C-alpha atoms as a PDB file:
ATOM      1  CA  MET A   1      41.776  55.051  60.266  1.00  0.00           C
ATOM      2  CA  PRO A   2      42.649  58.525  62.115  1.00  0.00           C
ATOM      3  CA  ARG A   3      46.248  58.745  64.740  1.00  0.00           C
ATOM      4  CA  LEU A   4      45.658  59.093  68.458  1.00  0.00           C
ATOM      5  CA  GLU A   5      46.496  62.284  69.400  1.00  0.00           C
ATOM      6  CA  GLN A   6      44.772  62.047  73.005  1.00  0.00           C
ATOM      7  CA  GLU A   7      46.078  59.092  75.455  1.00  0.00           C
ATOM      8  CA  LEU A   8      43.469  56.478  75.875  1.00  0.00           C
ATOM      9  CA  PRO A   9      42.776  56.658  80.084  1.00  0.00           C
ATOM     10  CA  ASP A  10      45.009  54.237  81.935  1.00  0.00           C
ATOM     11  CA  LYS A  11      43.362  51.144  82.724  1.00  0.00           C
ATOM     12  CA  ILE A  12      40.970  49.652  79.774  1.00  0.00           C
ATOM     13  CA  ILE A  13      39.236  46.611  80.567  1.00  0.00           C
ATOM     14  CA  THR A  14      38.187  45.305  76.917  1.00  0.00           C
ATOM     15  CA  ALA A  15      37.424  47.393  73.686  1.00  0.00           C
ATOM     16  CA  GLN A  16      35.298  47.614  70.967  1.00  0.00           C
ATOM     17  CA  ILE A  17      35.359  49.536  67.293  1.00  0.00           C
ATOM     18  CA  TYR A  18      32.449  50.885  66.180  1.00  0.00           C
ATOM     19  CA  PRO A  19      31.408  52.400  62.853  1.00  0.00           C
ATOM     20  CA  ASP A  20      30.048  55.686  62.001  1.00  0.00           C
ATOM     21  CA  PHE A  21      27.218  54.103  59.407  1.00  0.00           C
ATOM     22  CA  ASP A  22      26.736  57.343  57.990  1.00  0.00           C
ATOM     23  CA  CYS A  23      30.289  58.285  56.691  1.00  0.00           C
ATOM     24  CA  GLU A  24      31.269  54.764  56.258  1.00  0.00           C
ATOM     25  CA  GLU A  25      33.962  54.580  58.448  1.00  0.00           C
ATOM     26  CA  TRP A  26      35.624  53.167  61.764  1.00  0.00           C
ATOM     27  CA  ARG A  27      35.143  56.340  64.102  1.00  0.00           C
ATOM     28  CA  TYR A  28      34.224  55.225  67.711  1.00  0.00           C
ATOM     29  CA  LEU A  29      36.035  52.622  70.041  1.00  0.00           C
ATOM     30  CA  PHE A  30      33.930  51.462  72.892  1.00  0.00           C
ATOM     31  CA  ILE A  31      36.203  51.318  76.113  1.00  0.00           C
ATOM     32  CA  PRO A  32      33.669  50.513  79.437  1.00  0.00           C
ATOM     33  CA  THR A  33      35.495  51.448  82.893  1.00  0.00           C
ATOM     34  CA  GLU A  34      35.025  48.952  85.416  1.00  0.00           C
ATOM     35  CA  LYS A  35      31.505  50.311  86.894  1.00  0.00           C
ATOM     36  CA  GLY A  36      30.326  50.591  83.176  1.00  0.00           C
ATOM     37  CA  PHE A  37      31.419  47.150  82.178  1.00  0.00           C
ATOM     38  CA  LEU A  38      28.671  45.479  84.397  1.00  0.00           C
ATOM     39  CA  ASN A  39      25.949  48.485  83.824  1.00  0.00           C
ATOM     40  CA  HIS A  40      26.320  50.163  80.445  1.00  0.00           C
ATOM     41  CA  MET A  41      28.764  51.320  77.800  1.00  0.00           C
ATOM     42  CA  ASP A  42      29.940  54.330  79.566  1.00  0.00           C
ATOM     43  CA  ARG A  43      33.046  55.434  78.218  1.00  0.00           C
ATOM     44  CA  ILE A  44      33.419  55.569  74.428  1.00  0.00           C
ATOM     45  CA  TYR A  45      36.301  57.706  72.053  1.00  0.00           C
ATOM     46  CA  ASP A  46      35.874  59.315  69.034  1.00  0.00           C
ATOM     47  CA  LEU A  47      39.112  58.304  66.502  1.00  0.00           C
ATOM     48  CA  ARG A  48      37.734  61.517  64.591  1.00  0.00           C
ATOM     49  CA  LYS A  49      37.774  63.763  67.119  1.00  0.00           C
ATOM     50  CA  ASN A  50      40.053  62.406  69.202  1.00  0.00           C
ATOM     51  CA  GLU A  51      38.377  62.933  72.601  1.00  0.00           C
ATOM     52  CA  VAL A  52      36.956  60.648  75.065  1.00  0.00           C
ATOM     53  CA  ILE A  53      33.015  60.819  75.569  1.00  0.00           C
ATOM     54  CA  ASN A  54      31.033  59.721  78.765  1.00  0.00           C
ATOM     55  CA  ILE A  55      27.809  58.076  78.773  1.00  0.00           C
ATOM     56  CA  ALA A  56      25.942  58.386  81.903  1.00  0.00           C
ATOM     57  CA  SER A  57      23.219  56.009  80.849  1.00  0.00           C
ATOM     58  CA  ASN A  58      22.202  52.794  79.169  1.00  0.00           C
ATOM     59  CA  LYS A  59      19.478  55.170  77.717  1.00  0.00           C
ATOM     60  CA  GLU A  60      22.021  58.331  76.406  1.00  0.00           C
ATOM     61  CA  PHE A  61      24.128  54.906  74.763  1.00  0.00           C
ATOM     62  CA  ILE A  62      21.073  53.994  72.867  1.00  0.00           C
ATOM     63  CA  GLU A  63      19.724  57.415  71.765  1.00  0.00           C
ATOM     64  CA  ARG A  64      22.902  57.901  70.609  1.00  0.00           C
ATOM     65  CA  PHE A  65      24.193  55.088  68.901  1.00  0.00           C
ATOM     66  CA  LYS A  66      20.757  53.580  67.731  1.00  0.00           C
ATOM     67  CA  PRO A  67      21.704  50.166  67.654  1.00  0.00           C
ATOM     68  CA  GLU A  68      18.867  47.875  66.364  1.00  0.00           C
ATOM     69  CA  ILE A  69      17.333  45.635  68.992  1.00  0.00           C
ATOM     70  CA  ASP A  70      18.807  42.770  66.955  1.00  0.00           C
ATOM     71  CA  ASP A  71      22.513  43.126  67.758  1.00  0.00           C
ATOM     72  CA  LYS A  72      22.117  43.558  71.702  1.00  0.00           C
ATOM     73  CA  TYR A  73      24.188  40.820  71.613  1.00  0.00           C
ATOM     74  CA  LYS A  74      26.811  41.397  69.550  1.00  0.00           C
ATOM     75  CA  PHE A  75      28.172  44.929  71.827  1.00  0.00           C
ATOM     76  CA  ILE A  76      30.479  43.771  74.960  1.00  0.00           C
ATOM     77  CA  VAL A  77      28.362  45.284  77.227  1.00  0.00           C
ATOM     78  CA  THR A  78      24.656  43.853  76.729  1.00  0.00           C
ATOM     79  CA  PHE A  79      21.225  46.076  77.129  1.00  0.00           C
ATOM     80  CA  GLU A  80      18.292  45.997  79.355  1.00  0.00           C
ATOM     81  CA  ARG A  81      15.704  45.058  77.503  1.00  0.00           C
ATOM     82  CA  ASN A  82      13.085  47.140  78.479  1.00  0.00           C
ATOM     83  CA  ILE A  83      15.340  49.925  77.173  1.00  0.00           C
ATOM     84  CA  PHE A  84      14.005  49.319  73.455  1.00  0.00           C
END
């Protein structure tokens, strides 16, 4: 796993590691903010690029990561059913 070169944000409620399936590596750390934890996955740390990615909406998260509908409850922040 890559070394964290950028410090993570101060307040992390929970975290979930997520793979890049194409590269077969653990690439992302999902670290929602307090607001995001109640709404959508709004903050992600890219372990390869060593940067925080802010996600503006549930739709943006789904478009970027393309989670399978059957896997939606495997994430620390669930998705709206009508988005899929």
